[in-house]
Structure formats: C-alpha cells, structure tokens
Amino acid sequence: MKDRLKEIIKVLSDNNITEGMNPKKLCKILEELGPTFIKIGQILSTRVDLLSDDYIQELSKLRSKVNPLEFSLIKQILNEAYGDVGKYFKSIDEVPIGSASIAQVHVAYLKSGEKVVIKIKRPNIDETFKTDIILLKEAVTYLHLNKFVKVMDLNLVLDDLYNTTLQELDFSNEVNNLIKFKDNNSNEENIDSPIVYTDLCRNNTIVMEYINGLMINEISKLKVKGYSLKNIALALSENYIKQALDDGFFQADPHPDNIMIRENKIIYIDLGMMGTLSKKNKLLLKKCMKAIIFSDYNEVARILIDMSTSKGEIDHLSLVNDIKNILLNFGSTALNEIDITKFIKEMFLMLQKNKLVLDNDVTMLIRGISIIEGVLEEIDPNINLVAVLTNKIEKDNLKEITSLDNVKKISKNIINSADGLVKLPGEVSNLITSINNGEIKFKVEFSDSKNHIDKLEKLLHELIIAFIDGVLIVCFCFSQPGRQKVILFFGIVILSIWLIIKMLYDYTHKGY
C-alpha cells in the first residue's frame, strides 16, 4: 500500500498539482494512475452538478477503451470460475469486443450453439479500487488538495464515487438489475435488455445474450438501415421518464456506449450502474413537476426541502425568490429550446446557496437526465426531455381526474352537496312560513309565497340534475375507451332524458 501511495503522490507531484488544476491536466493524471482512476474520471464526466462544461467535455474522452487483458489471463480467470470452461462454452473469441476499467467483454458460443457475451471482471479490481480510493483520500489530506482544487470538495466526491462503484463491482447486482429491468419493461414495445443466463453467472462473470445491433449514436448507419431517428429519440425520452417516475428504477449512466438499437428496439446493454428512487421522492418529484408547470413557487420550495438535507438554517423567503427567478428565466423559453444542463446547474447552485443538499437518489437521477439529454441532442435535437416530461405530467393529471376512484369520489361529493341543495327548499319554506306567521318581518311583502316555493323547488331539483349531468359529461370527454366510458355514457343519457322530460312537464303543466 505504501508503494502505491508513493506512486499516486509521484503522479500528482509530477503534474504540478499544487499549481492548480485544469481539464487536460486532470485527464492526464487519471490516465497515468490507471484503470480505477479512469473509472473515477468516467463517473465524474456525468457530474454536471460539480464540474463546468470544459471539465465534462474533457473527462468524457476517458470513455475510450482501456488496454485489454491478455487472453491467457482471461482463460485462467474463466477456468477458475467454471472449473473447466469447456464444459459450458463451445468457444470464446480471443479478441474482446469491449475493454473497460472494471471488466472486459468477449463473444462466446454455448454448447447449444447460442451466441452470448461474457463480461469478465478484471482480477483484484475490487481490492485495487478500494485501496486506491483510500490512498487518494490520504493524498488529498497530505497535499491539502482541497485548497488548490476549488471546483469541488474532493473528500465528498471520493466518498460518492466509492459507494457508486462498489455497486458496479458487485456483479450479482448487475444480474438482478438485468432481470428487474427486463420485467419492468416487458410491456414496452420499443425497449428491451439482454437475456441473462443466471445459471452461468459467477461472482466475477456475467453471461448474457449477444445483441447484434448498432450503437445508438451511430447516426449514419442507423439512417442507412432505415431507422427513424425521431422515433428512436421519442421512445428513448418517454421510456427514461417512465423508468424514473413510474418504475423508480432507472439507468444511472445512460451514455451511448450502453445503448444499442436492434430491430426497432432500444436495448440497454449495461445495467451495472442503476438508480432507485425512494417511494417518497418518486411522489415528491411528480408533485414538484406539477408545481413547476403551475408556477407554484412555494410548493416547489417545500418539496425541495423535503427531498434534501439541510446544511444550515434555511431562509424560506430567499429560497422561494431564488426558485421563482430561475423558473421565470427558463419559463420564457420555449419547451423545446430549454437547455436542461444549464437549468440543472443553476438549480444545484441555487440549492448550494440555500444550504440544501439533494438526496443521493434524486441527484443520481438528475445526472442520468443530463446524460440522456446529451444523447437525445445527438439523435434528434427537436426532441426535448422537458417537453416530453411536461406532456406526461399533463396526461397523468387527466388519468387521475378521470380514474374510476376519482369519479366515485366526485360523485360522493356531488351527492353530499346535492343533499344539502335538496334540503334548501324546505329551509326556504320554513323561512317564508315564519314570515307569514309574523315571526320575521321585512319591509318587502311576498305575494303568493306557496306558489313561488313550489317553483323554486322545481328549479333547484333541475339544477342539481343538470349539474350532475355536466360533471359526467366532463368525465366522459377525458376518460379512456373502456367499461368506465360506457358506464358514463349511459349515465349521461339517462340523466339528460330525465331532465328534458321534467322540464317539458313543468313547462306545459304549470309553467315557471
């Protein structure tokens, strides 16, 4: 460990870390420090909440392949995992199709002839990563790096990176993620993930279906194949919002290398880094979007406080004003022109100013949104996640309004209100009787009061029927085709016929 610490300090010293930091220097340092630090750089490239655009752009270049392991070592790892790899696999391609900081991927054929991929974890990567993070934290303290790297608190960032990468290092997590994601999207026509062969997975290997398709950012090839980029972008954006707000289980690192297109389907091929929203935050996010749409700044402030940890005393008035300024600034921009990355950065700065730190699951989702927005920009700049999200919130509101439970609730309120209205003529009658008996006196005299009461009762009854009929008509207009709509239709017909007959009868027999 001491030798590795010396190596880390030497790399930092050789790159004159105490003289300040810039994007190119940071990338150079991470590359020299090896695979685990390249992984750190890759994760940092998604941290729009921490880094400026120039850092993000430079760090995103670290997504290039890491030097692959020799196949002799790969075969040794596989033989240790399976006893005799030949019992399970007919053949394994020696040249990997992917080589990253944590694992590399080889194409293989099962004994049955099925084409699969094997994701193989680099040897000792768990221990190496843990050791490197511990040593890097010591180096931060020893060299007082936080005084020189002012763009972020390095200790907090390292803690977050450590926890995030630990999940990705645990291959059992990714196996479970593949199964859960596939189940969540089983009814989605345009979304899928590889089949995972759970009986062939081990602690350091994952065996899954080979996806013969194109990367989502291979624009020219997709066009040649006849794919509609607009349809791809729309399906991707709608599904990502579904993952977050409906499933509460989303791809936290949806960069182009992790998404492929095959037979008109979007395939998420790497589910090592997933985010899970708590039930509380899933509900709060939906409410927050509604509040933003309706410019309810106080409600947005309340929700942000509920989704955050306070680092000091909160000035509620200042928070509301800051939210109002940001939303008014972006509210004047057309939905399809809103720069989500800029909006996210301004929101994070505003929260930091108001001593609020968002819950980790929400922060992870926001990072994912910023990545997916970049993918959408590349595929079809006209598809904007904000516009798609707004459309979903509005549709969900209509579904909520026209749901059977909500109709029952409205009907109950109508009946309770109607009961009060029905009693009103009697109350009016008692009032007029008291007047006639001389118990209450007005300067205005009533003539033929009984006749007026009868007419008033008829009008009120007909108003109640008309009101209920109107509510049913509104519910009918917004409801989806099905049993509920048929019931509403017959209810409207019955009430309308009843109302017309009653009005005609009153008009022709006694008049109004």
Protein backbone atom coordinates (compact mmCIF):
# COMPACT_ATOMS: atom_id res chain seq x y z
CA MET A 1 0.00 0.00 0.00
CA LYS A 2 2.88 2.37 0.79
CA ASP A 3 4.37 1.81 -2.64
CA ARG A 4 1.04 2.58 -4.30
CA LEU A 5 0.65 5.74 -2.17
CA LYS A 6 4.11 6.86 -3.25
CA GLU A 7 3.15 6.17 -6.86
CA ILE A 8 -0.04 8.25 -6.55
CA ILE A 9 1.80 11.13 -4.87
CA LYS A 10 4.55 10.99 -7.50
CA VAL A 11 1.99 11.24 -10.35
CA LEU A 12 0.29 14.18 -8.64
CA SER A 13 3.63 15.85 -7.94
CA ASP A 14 4.95 15.28 -11.48
CA ASN A 15 1.86 17.00 -12.84
CA ASN A 16 2.37 20.03 -10.57
CA ILE A 17 -0.99 19.59 -8.82
CA THR A 18 -0.21 22.40 -6.36
CA GLU A 19 -0.04 24.89 -9.21
CA GLY A 20 -3.72 24.44 -9.96
CA MET A 21 -5.94 22.19 -11.99
CA ASN A 22 -7.36 22.31 -15.48
CA PRO A 23 -9.35 19.75 -17.53
CA LYS A 24 -6.46 18.38 -19.60
CA LYS A 25 -4.23 18.04 -16.56
CA LEU A 26 -6.94 16.14 -14.65
CA CYS A 27 -7.43 13.70 -17.53
CA LYS A 28 -3.70 13.14 -17.85
CA ILE A 29 -3.39 12.39 -14.13
CA LEU A 30 -6.28 9.92 -14.17
CA GLU A 31 -4.87 8.08 -17.21
CA GLU A 32 -1.43 7.79 -15.59
CA LEU A 33 -2.93 6.45 -12.36
CA GLY A 34 -4.58 3.51 -14.14
CA PRO A 35 -7.93 1.78 -14.68
CA THR A 36 -9.62 2.60 -11.34
CA PHE A 37 -8.87 6.29 -11.78
CA ILE A 38 -10.09 6.19 -15.36
CA LYS A 39 -13.35 4.86 -13.90
CA ILE A 40 -13.42 7.79 -11.50
CA GLY A 41 -12.99 10.14 -14.45
CA GLN A 42 -15.81 8.45 -16.35
CA ILE A 43 -18.17 8.91 -13.41
CA LEU A 44 -17.02 12.49 -12.92
CA SER A 45 -17.85 13.19 -16.57
CA THR A 46 -21.53 12.79 -15.59
CA ARG A 47 -21.32 15.18 -12.63
CA VAL A 48 -22.83 18.29 -14.18
CA ASP A 49 -23.69 19.36 -10.64
CA LEU A 50 -19.99 19.58 -9.74
CA LEU A 51 -17.99 20.40 -12.85
CA SER A 52 -18.04 23.03 -15.56
CA ASP A 53 -18.58 22.23 -19.24
CA ASP A 54 -14.86 22.23 -20.08
CA TYR A 55 -14.18 19.55 -17.43
CA ILE A 56 -17.19 17.49 -18.52
CA GLN A 57 -16.14 17.56 -22.19
CA GLU A 58 -12.54 16.59 -21.46
CA LEU A 59 -13.41 13.82 -18.99
CA SER A 60 -15.94 12.32 -21.40
CA LYS A 61 -12.97 11.41 -23.63
CA LEU A 62 -11.94 8.87 -20.98
CA ARG A 63 -14.73 6.59 -22.24
CA SER A 64 -12.24 5.20 -24.76
CA LYS A 65 -11.15 1.58 -24.31
CA VAL A 66 -8.74 0.56 -21.55
CA ASN A 67 -5.90 -1.71 -22.63
CA PRO A 68 -7.31 -5.28 -22.66
CA LEU A 69 -6.01 -8.17 -20.59
CA GLU A 70 -4.13 -10.98 -22.32
CA PHE A 71 -6.45 -13.83 -23.36
CA SER A 72 -4.30 -16.34 -21.44
CA LEU A 73 -5.19 -14.46 -18.24
CA ILE A 74 -8.87 -14.29 -19.27
CA LYS A 75 -8.91 -18.07 -19.83
CA GLN A 76 -7.29 -18.62 -16.44
CA ILE A 77 -9.99 -16.49 -14.76
CA LEU A 78 -12.74 -18.41 -16.56
CA ASN A 79 -11.27 -21.82 -15.70
CA GLU A 80 -11.13 -20.79 -12.03
CA ALA A 81 -14.75 -19.61 -12.19
CA TYR A 82 -16.16 -22.65 -14.04
CA GLY A 83 -13.70 -25.42 -13.21
CA ASP A 84 -13.39 -26.34 -16.87
CA VAL A 85 -14.66 -23.61 -19.17
CA GLY A 86 -15.01 -26.16 -21.99
CA LYS A 87 -17.92 -27.81 -20.13
CA TYR A 88 -20.11 -24.77 -20.70
CA PHE A 89 -18.74 -22.98 -23.75
CA LYS A 90 -18.04 -24.37 -27.20
CA SER A 91 -15.67 -21.48 -27.98
CA ILE A 92 -14.65 -17.99 -26.82
CA ASP A 93 -13.31 -15.26 -29.10
CA GLU A 94 -9.82 -14.23 -28.04
CA VAL A 95 -10.21 -10.57 -29.06
CA PRO A 96 -12.56 -8.67 -26.70
CA ILE A 97 -15.40 -6.53 -28.10
CA GLY A 98 -15.09 -4.20 -25.14
CA SER A 99 -12.44 -3.39 -22.55
CA ALA A 100 -13.23 -1.04 -19.67
CA SER A 101 -11.78 -0.17 -16.28
CA ILE A 102 -13.78 -2.77 -14.35
CA ALA A 103 -14.32 -5.57 -16.88
CA GLN A 104 -13.87 -6.67 -20.46
CA VAL A 105 -16.32 -8.45 -22.74
CA HIS A 106 -15.78 -11.43 -25.04
CA VAL A 107 -18.11 -13.09 -27.53
CA ALA A 108 -18.64 -16.80 -26.86
CA TYR A 109 -20.76 -19.74 -28.03
CA LEU A 110 -22.58 -22.07 -25.67
CA LYS A 111 -22.54 -25.83 -26.15
CA SER A 112 -26.05 -25.45 -27.58
CA GLY A 113 -24.66 -23.11 -30.25
CA GLU A 114 -26.20 -19.88 -28.86
CA LYS A 115 -24.11 -16.76 -29.31
CA VAL A 116 -23.54 -14.94 -26.00
CA VAL A 117 -21.21 -12.41 -24.39
CA ILE A 118 -19.19 -12.95 -21.22
CA LYS A 119 -18.45 -9.94 -19.06
CA ILE A 120 -15.31 -10.76 -17.07
CA LYS A 121 -14.21 -8.70 -14.09
CA ARG A 122 -10.56 -7.65 -14.00
CA PRO A 123 -8.60 -9.62 -11.39
CA ASN A 124 -8.21 -7.97 -7.97
CA ILE A 125 -10.11 -4.89 -9.21
CA ASP A 126 -12.21 -4.73 -6.00
CA GLU A 127 -9.20 -4.58 -3.72
CA THR A 128 -7.31 -2.28 -6.09
CA PHE A 129 -10.20 0.15 -6.29
CA LYS A 130 -10.79 0.25 -2.53
CA THR A 131 -7.08 0.71 -1.88
CA ASP A 132 -6.75 3.46 -4.49
CA ILE A 133 -9.68 5.43 -3.06
CA ILE A 134 -8.32 5.17 0.49
CA LEU A 135 -4.86 6.23 -0.68
CA LEU A 136 -6.23 9.04 -2.80
CA LYS A 137 -8.11 10.40 0.22
CA GLU A 138 -4.85 10.29 2.17
CA ALA A 139 -3.12 12.12 -0.67
CA VAL A 140 -5.87 14.79 -0.65
CA THR A 141 -5.22 15.36 3.06
CA TYR A 142 -1.43 15.11 2.81
CA LEU A 143 -1.14 17.54 -0.11
CA HIS A 144 -4.03 19.80 1.05
CA LEU A 145 -5.53 19.41 -2.42
CA ASN A 146 -8.88 20.98 -1.48
CA LYS A 147 -7.06 24.31 -1.23
CA PHE A 148 -6.00 24.05 -4.86
CA VAL A 149 -8.90 22.16 -6.45
CA LYS A 150 -11.70 24.58 -5.66
CA VAL A 151 -14.23 23.27 -8.17
CA MET A 152 -15.31 20.52 -5.71
CA ASP A 153 -14.84 19.02 -2.24
CA LEU A 154 -12.60 16.09 -3.14
CA ASN A 155 -13.36 14.07 0.01
CA LEU A 156 -17.14 14.19 -0.57
CA VAL A 157 -16.70 13.37 -4.25
CA LEU A 158 -14.46 10.40 -3.47
CA ASP A 159 -16.97 9.05 -0.93
CA ASP A 160 -19.73 9.27 -3.52
CA LEU A 161 -17.60 7.64 -6.22
CA TYR A 162 -16.60 4.88 -3.82
CA ASN A 163 -20.21 3.98 -2.97
CA THR A 164 -21.33 4.18 -6.61
CA THR A 165 -18.52 1.99 -7.93
CA LEU A 166 -18.91 -0.60 -5.16
CA GLN A 167 -22.37 -1.34 -6.56
CA GLU A 168 -20.96 -1.72 -10.07
CA LEU A 169 -18.19 -4.02 -8.83
CA ASP A 170 -20.76 -6.41 -7.38
CA PHE A 171 -21.79 -8.49 -10.41
CA SER A 172 -24.75 -10.02 -8.53
CA ASN A 173 -26.24 -6.51 -8.50
CA GLU A 174 -26.00 -6.25 -12.27
CA VAL A 175 -27.58 -9.69 -12.74
CA ASN A 176 -30.51 -8.64 -10.56
CA ASN A 177 -30.70 -5.31 -12.41
CA LEU A 178 -30.95 -7.09 -15.77
CA ILE A 179 -33.80 -9.26 -14.51
CA LYS A 180 -35.68 -6.39 -12.86
CA PHE A 181 -35.26 -4.02 -15.80
CA LYS A 182 -36.50 -6.62 -18.28
CA ASP A 183 -39.53 -7.29 -16.10
CA ASN A 184 -40.30 -3.56 -15.69
CA ASN A 185 -40.23 -3.09 -19.47
CA SER A 186 -41.90 -6.33 -20.53
CA ASN A 187 -44.91 -4.42 -21.90
CA GLU A 188 -42.82 -1.81 -23.71
CA GLU A 189 -42.79 -2.30 -27.49
CA ASN A 190 -39.59 -0.32 -28.09
CA ILE A 191 -37.45 -1.12 -25.03
CA ASP A 192 -35.53 -4.24 -24.01
CA SER A 193 -32.39 -5.57 -22.34
CA PRO A 194 -30.30 -8.72 -22.91
CA ILE A 195 -31.43 -12.09 -21.60
CA VAL A 196 -29.16 -13.05 -18.70
CA TYR A 197 -28.10 -16.69 -18.22
CA THR A 198 -28.26 -16.76 -14.42
CA ASP A 199 -27.09 -20.40 -14.18
CA LEU A 200 -23.85 -19.44 -15.96
CA CYS A 201 -23.13 -16.26 -13.96
CA ARG A 202 -20.46 -16.26 -11.27
CA ASN A 203 -19.04 -13.72 -8.80
CA ASN A 204 -16.69 -12.37 -11.49
CA THR A 205 -18.58 -13.21 -14.71
CA ILE A 206 -21.92 -12.38 -16.30
CA VAL A 207 -23.20 -14.34 -19.31
CA MET A 208 -25.90 -12.69 -21.38
CA GLU A 209 -27.48 -12.61 -24.81
CA TYR A 210 -25.38 -11.25 -27.67
CA ILE A 211 -27.03 -8.14 -29.11
CA ASN A 212 -26.44 -7.84 -32.83
CA GLY A 213 -27.27 -4.21 -33.43
CA LEU A 214 -25.96 -0.66 -33.78
CA MET A 215 -24.86 1.78 -31.10
CA ILE A 216 -27.47 4.47 -30.60
CA ASN A 217 -25.05 7.20 -31.67
CA GLU A 218 -24.10 5.51 -34.97
CA ILE A 219 -26.33 8.02 -36.74
CA SER A 220 -25.28 7.44 -40.36
CA LYS A 221 -25.56 3.63 -40.04
CA LEU A 222 -29.00 3.93 -38.43
CA LYS A 223 -30.16 6.10 -41.32
CA VAL A 224 -28.84 3.62 -43.88
CA LYS A 225 -30.79 0.85 -42.10
CA GLY A 226 -33.95 2.96 -42.44
CA TYR A 227 -34.46 3.78 -38.77
CA SER A 228 -36.42 6.91 -37.82
CA LEU A 229 -34.16 8.94 -35.54
CA LYS A 230 -37.17 10.93 -34.36
CA ASN A 231 -38.98 7.75 -33.28
CA ILE A 232 -35.87 6.49 -31.51
CA ALA A 233 -35.39 9.77 -29.64
CA LEU A 234 -39.06 9.97 -28.65
CA ALA A 235 -39.17 6.34 -27.43
CA LEU A 236 -35.91 6.83 -25.51
CA SER A 237 -37.12 10.01 -23.77
CA GLU A 238 -40.57 8.64 -22.91
CA ASN A 239 -39.13 5.42 -21.52
CA TYR A 240 -36.47 7.16 -19.45
CA ILE A 241 -39.16 9.28 -17.79
CA LYS A 242 -41.16 6.08 -17.20
CA GLN A 243 -38.11 4.44 -15.62
CA ALA A 244 -37.76 7.35 -13.20
CA LEU A 245 -41.30 8.41 -12.32
CA ASP A 246 -43.25 5.16 -12.76
CA ASP A 247 -40.72 2.40 -12.00
CA GLY A 248 -38.43 4.36 -9.69
CA PHE A 249 -35.63 2.21 -11.17
CA PHE A 250 -33.51 3.83 -13.87
CA GLN A 251 -30.24 3.56 -15.81
CA ALA A 252 -27.97 5.97 -13.95
CA ASP A 253 -25.30 6.04 -16.68
CA PRO A 254 -27.23 6.02 -20.00
CA HIS A 255 -24.34 7.11 -22.23
CA PRO A 256 -24.29 5.92 -25.89
CA ASP A 257 -21.90 3.02 -25.24
CA ASN A 258 -24.57 1.43 -23.02
CA ILE A 259 -27.48 1.65 -25.50
CA MET A 260 -27.97 -0.21 -28.78
CA ILE A 261 -30.65 -0.40 -31.48
CA ARG A 262 -31.84 -3.77 -32.77
CA GLU A 263 -34.96 -4.50 -34.83
CA ASN A 264 -36.62 -1.19 -33.93
CA LYS A 265 -35.93 -1.73 -30.25
CA ILE A 266 -33.75 0.28 -27.86
CA ILE A 267 -31.59 -2.20 -25.92
CA TYR A 268 -29.88 -1.20 -22.66
CA ILE A 269 -26.84 -3.50 -22.66
CA ASP A 270 -25.05 -2.38 -19.47
CA LEU A 271 -27.06 -2.13 -16.24
CA GLY A 272 -24.20 -2.09 -13.76
CA MET A 273 -24.99 1.39 -12.51
CA MET A 274 -28.71 1.78 -11.71
CA GLY A 275 -30.56 4.29 -9.59
CA THR A 276 -33.51 3.57 -7.32
CA LEU A 277 -35.86 6.35 -6.24
CA SER A 278 -37.49 6.02 -2.85
CA LYS A 279 -41.31 5.97 -2.85
CA LYS A 280 -41.27 9.31 -1.07
CA ASN A 281 -39.01 11.00 -3.60
CA LYS A 282 -40.83 9.45 -6.57
CA LEU A 283 -44.07 11.03 -5.34
CA LEU A 284 -42.35 14.31 -4.47
CA LEU A 285 -40.78 14.56 -7.94
CA LYS A 286 -44.18 14.17 -9.60
CA LYS A 287 -45.62 16.85 -7.31
CA CYS A 288 -42.61 19.07 -7.98
CA MET A 289 -43.14 18.85 -11.75
CA LYS A 290 -46.81 19.79 -11.33
CA ALA A 291 -45.84 22.71 -9.12
CA ILE A 292 -43.27 23.90 -11.69
CA ILE A 293 -45.82 23.65 -14.52
CA PHE A 294 -48.32 25.71 -12.50
CA SER A 295 -45.64 28.16 -11.24
CA ASP A 296 -46.35 27.32 -7.59
CA TYR A 297 -43.01 28.51 -6.23
CA ASN A 298 -43.87 27.95 -2.55
CA GLU A 299 -44.80 24.34 -3.28
CA VAL A 300 -41.55 23.80 -5.25
CA ALA A 301 -39.58 25.19 -2.29
CA ARG A 302 -41.40 22.93 0.18
CA ILE A 303 -40.78 19.85 -1.97
CA LEU A 304 -37.09 20.64 -2.49
CA ILE A 305 -36.66 20.95 1.28
CA ASP A 306 -38.39 17.56 1.74
CA MET A 307 -36.02 15.97 -0.82
CA SER A 308 -32.88 17.47 0.70
CA THR A 309 -30.66 17.54 3.74
CA SER A 310 -30.22 20.97 5.30
CA LYS A 311 -26.64 22.14 5.99
CA GLY A 312 -27.76 25.17 7.99
CA GLU A 313 -30.67 27.45 8.73
CA ILE A 314 -32.92 27.94 5.70
CA ASP A 315 -34.23 31.35 4.68
CA HIS A 316 -37.55 30.22 3.19
CA LEU A 317 -38.33 33.57 1.58
CA SER A 318 -34.90 33.70 -0.08
CA LEU A 319 -35.32 30.11 -1.32
CA VAL A 320 -38.74 30.87 -2.85
CA ASN A 321 -37.40 34.01 -4.56
CA ASP A 322 -34.40 32.13 -5.99
CA ILE A 323 -36.68 29.39 -7.34
CA LYS A 324 -39.00 31.99 -8.81
CA ASN A 325 -36.13 33.78 -10.58
CA ILE A 326 -34.83 30.54 -12.14
CA LEU A 327 -38.26 29.32 -13.25
CA LEU A 328 -39.27 32.71 -14.64
CA ASN A 329 -35.98 32.89 -16.54
CA PHE A 330 -36.48 29.47 -18.13
CA GLY A 331 -40.25 29.89 -18.34
CA SER A 332 -39.83 32.49 -21.05
CA THR A 333 -38.05 29.91 -23.22
CA ALA A 334 -39.95 27.52 -25.50
CA LEU A 335 -40.02 23.97 -24.08
CA ASN A 336 -38.04 22.52 -26.99
CA GLU A 337 -35.33 25.16 -26.52
CA ILE A 338 -34.68 24.76 -22.79
CA ASP A 339 -31.07 23.87 -22.04
CA ILE A 340 -31.52 21.14 -19.41
CA THR A 341 -27.83 21.02 -18.47
CA LYS A 342 -27.81 24.76 -17.79
CA PHE A 343 -31.08 24.51 -15.84
CA ILE A 344 -29.70 21.68 -13.69
CA LYS A 345 -26.52 23.60 -12.93
CA GLU A 346 -28.45 26.71 -11.91
CA MET A 347 -30.70 24.61 -9.67
CA PHE A 348 -27.70 22.97 -7.97
CA LEU A 349 -26.02 26.34 -7.42
CA MET A 350 -29.27 27.72 -6.01
CA LEU A 351 -29.60 24.77 -3.62
CA GLN A 352 -25.98 25.13 -2.56
CA LYS A 353 -26.55 28.83 -1.88
CA ASN A 354 -29.58 27.93 0.27
CA LYS A 355 -27.63 25.25 2.21
CA LEU A 356 -29.55 22.30 0.77
CA VAL A 357 -28.10 19.00 -0.49
CA LEU A 358 -30.45 16.84 -2.55
CA ASP A 359 -30.94 13.18 -1.56
CA ASN A 360 -28.49 10.92 -3.36
CA ASP A 361 -31.17 9.05 -5.35
CA VAL A 362 -32.51 12.34 -6.74
CA THR A 363 -29.00 13.58 -7.55
CA MET A 364 -28.28 10.32 -9.39
CA LEU A 365 -31.47 10.75 -11.46
CA ILE A 366 -30.55 14.32 -12.35
CA ARG A 367 -27.14 13.14 -13.56
CA GLY A 368 -28.86 10.47 -15.68
CA ILE A 369 -31.20 13.09 -17.15
CA SER A 370 -28.28 15.30 -18.13
CA ILE A 371 -26.62 12.34 -19.91
CA ILE A 372 -29.77 11.20 -21.71
CA GLU A 373 -30.41 14.78 -22.83
CA GLY A 374 -26.97 14.77 -24.49
CA VAL A 375 -27.85 11.50 -26.27
CA LEU A 376 -31.16 12.99 -27.46
CA GLU A 377 -29.39 16.12 -28.71
CA GLU A 378 -27.16 13.91 -30.85
CA ILE A 379 -30.00 11.79 -32.25
CA ASP A 380 -32.73 14.42 -32.76
CA PRO A 381 -32.27 17.96 -31.37
CA ASN A 382 -36.01 18.60 -31.80
CA ILE A 383 -36.92 16.06 -29.10
CA ASN A 384 -36.63 17.75 -25.71
CA LEU A 385 -36.92 15.88 -22.42
CA VAL A 386 -38.66 18.80 -20.71
CA ALA A 387 -41.44 18.87 -23.33
CA VAL A 388 -41.88 15.08 -23.10
CA LEU A 389 -41.92 15.24 -19.30
CA THR A 390 -44.48 18.07 -19.29
CA ASN A 391 -46.68 16.11 -21.66
CA LYS A 392 -46.50 13.04 -19.38
CA ILE A 393 -47.42 15.07 -16.28
CA GLU A 394 -50.44 16.54 -18.08
CA LYS A 395 -51.57 13.08 -19.27
CA ASP A 396 -51.14 11.65 -15.76
CA ASN A 397 -53.24 14.51 -14.37
CA LEU A 398 -56.05 13.69 -16.84
CA LYS A 399 -55.85 9.98 -15.97
CA GLU A 400 -56.03 10.88 -12.29
CA ILE A 401 -59.06 13.14 -12.86
CA THR A 402 -60.92 10.54 -14.93
CA SER A 403 -59.96 7.46 -12.91
CA LEU A 404 -62.84 5.37 -11.55
CA ASP A 405 -61.79 6.07 -7.95
CA ASN A 406 -61.76 9.80 -8.62
CA VAL A 407 -65.15 9.66 -10.36
CA LYS A 408 -66.53 7.84 -7.30
CA LYS A 409 -65.04 10.49 -5.04
CA ILE A 410 -66.52 13.31 -7.13
CA SER A 411 -69.89 11.55 -7.25
CA LYS A 412 -69.87 11.21 -3.47
CA ASN A 413 -69.15 14.91 -3.08
CA ILE A 414 -71.89 15.74 -5.59
CA ILE A 415 -74.40 13.59 -3.68
CA ASN A 416 -73.44 15.24 -0.40
CA SER A 417 -73.72 18.67 -1.98
CA ALA A 418 -76.98 17.71 -3.69
CA ASP A 419 -78.41 16.52 -0.39
CA GLY A 420 -77.78 19.96 1.00
CA LEU A 421 -79.38 21.59 -2.03
CA VAL A 422 -82.44 19.33 -1.77
CA LYS A 423 -82.91 20.43 1.83
CA LEU A 424 -82.66 24.09 0.83
CA PRO A 425 -86.30 24.47 -0.41
CA GLY A 426 -87.54 23.17 2.96
CA GLU A 427 -85.36 25.67 4.75
CA VAL A 428 -86.63 28.41 2.48
CA SER A 429 -90.20 27.19 3.14
CA ASN A 430 -89.67 27.40 6.90
CA LEU A 431 -88.26 30.88 6.49
CA ILE A 432 -91.26 32.04 4.45
CA THR A 433 -93.72 30.36 6.89
CA SER A 434 -92.10 32.27 9.73
CA ILE A 435 -92.50 35.44 7.73
CA ASN A 436 -96.18 34.68 7.05
CA ASN A 437 -96.80 33.93 10.74
CA GLY A 438 -95.33 37.28 11.64
CA GLU A 439 -92.33 35.77 13.43
CA ILE A 440 -89.99 37.57 11.00
CA LYS A 441 -90.87 40.83 9.37
CA PHE A 442 -89.43 42.51 6.25
CA LYS A 443 -90.37 45.74 4.62
CA VAL A 444 -90.74 43.82 1.33
CA GLU A 445 -94.03 41.94 1.05
CA PHE A 446 -94.32 38.44 -0.57
CA SER A 447 -97.33 37.57 -2.61
CA ASP A 448 -98.44 34.01 -3.46
CA SER A 449 -95.44 32.67 -1.50
CA LYS A 450 -96.52 28.99 -1.69
CA ASN A 451 -96.54 29.09 -5.48
CA HIS A 452 -93.09 30.68 -5.50
CA ILE A 453 -91.76 27.96 -3.17
CA ASP A 454 -93.07 25.21 -5.47
CA LYS A 455 -91.38 26.83 -8.45
CA LEU A 456 -88.13 27.32 -6.53
CA GLU A 457 -88.10 23.65 -5.52
CA LYS A 458 -88.56 22.52 -9.13
CA LEU A 459 -85.78 24.81 -10.36
CA LEU A 460 -83.36 23.62 -7.68
CA HIS A 461 -84.09 19.95 -8.44
CA GLU A 462 -83.50 20.52 -12.12
CA LEU A 463 -80.29 22.47 -11.41
CA ILE A 464 -78.97 19.55 -9.33
CA ILE A 465 -79.72 17.08 -12.14
CA ALA A 466 -78.11 19.40 -14.71
CA PHE A 467 -75.01 19.83 -12.51
CA ILE A 468 -74.53 16.06 -12.08
CA ASP A 469 -75.12 15.56 -15.82
CA GLY A 470 -72.48 18.20 -16.61
CA VAL A 471 -69.89 16.55 -14.37
CA LEU A 472 -70.49 13.18 -16.06
CA ILE A 473 -70.10 14.78 -19.49
CA VAL A 474 -66.71 16.30 -18.50
CA CYS A 475 -65.53 12.93 -17.12
CA PHE A 476 -66.72 11.20 -20.31
CA CYS A 477 -64.74 13.59 -22.54
CA PHE A 478 -61.45 12.90 -20.72
CA SER A 479 -61.83 9.17 -20.00
CA GLN A 480 -60.12 6.42 -22.00
CA PRO A 481 -62.18 3.89 -24.04
CA GLY A 482 -63.43 1.02 -21.90
CA ARG A 483 -66.01 -0.05 -19.37
CA GLN A 484 -65.76 3.19 -17.42
CA LYS A 485 -66.59 5.27 -20.51
CA VAL A 486 -69.62 3.08 -21.35
CA ILE A 487 -71.00 3.49 -17.81
CA LEU A 488 -70.53 7.27 -18.01
CA PHE A 489 -72.29 7.37 -21.41
CA PHE A 490 -75.40 5.57 -20.17
CA GLY A 491 -75.46 7.74 -17.04
CA ILE A 492 -75.39 10.89 -19.18
CA VAL A 493 -78.18 9.59 -21.48
CA ILE A 494 -80.46 8.66 -18.54
CA LEU A 495 -79.95 11.95 -16.68
CA SER A 496 -80.34 14.04 -19.85
CA ILE A 497 -83.61 12.32 -20.82
CA TRP A 498 -84.91 12.66 -17.27
CA LEU A 499 -84.02 16.37 -17.19
CA ILE A 500 -85.66 17.10 -20.57
CA ILE A 501 -88.88 15.25 -19.63
CA LYS A 502 -89.08 17.01 -16.26
CA MET A 503 -88.53 20.45 -17.80
CA LEU A 504 -91.12 19.84 -20.53
CA TYR A 505 -93.64 18.57 -17.98
CA ASP A 506 -93.19 21.59 -15.69
CA TYR A 507 -93.33 23.98 -18.61
CA THR A 508 -96.52 22.54 -20.19
CA HIS A 509 -98.47 21.92 -16.97
CA LYS A 510 -97.75 24.70 -14.50
CA GLY A 511 -95.17 26.89 -16.15
CA TYR A 512 -92.24 28.59 -14.49
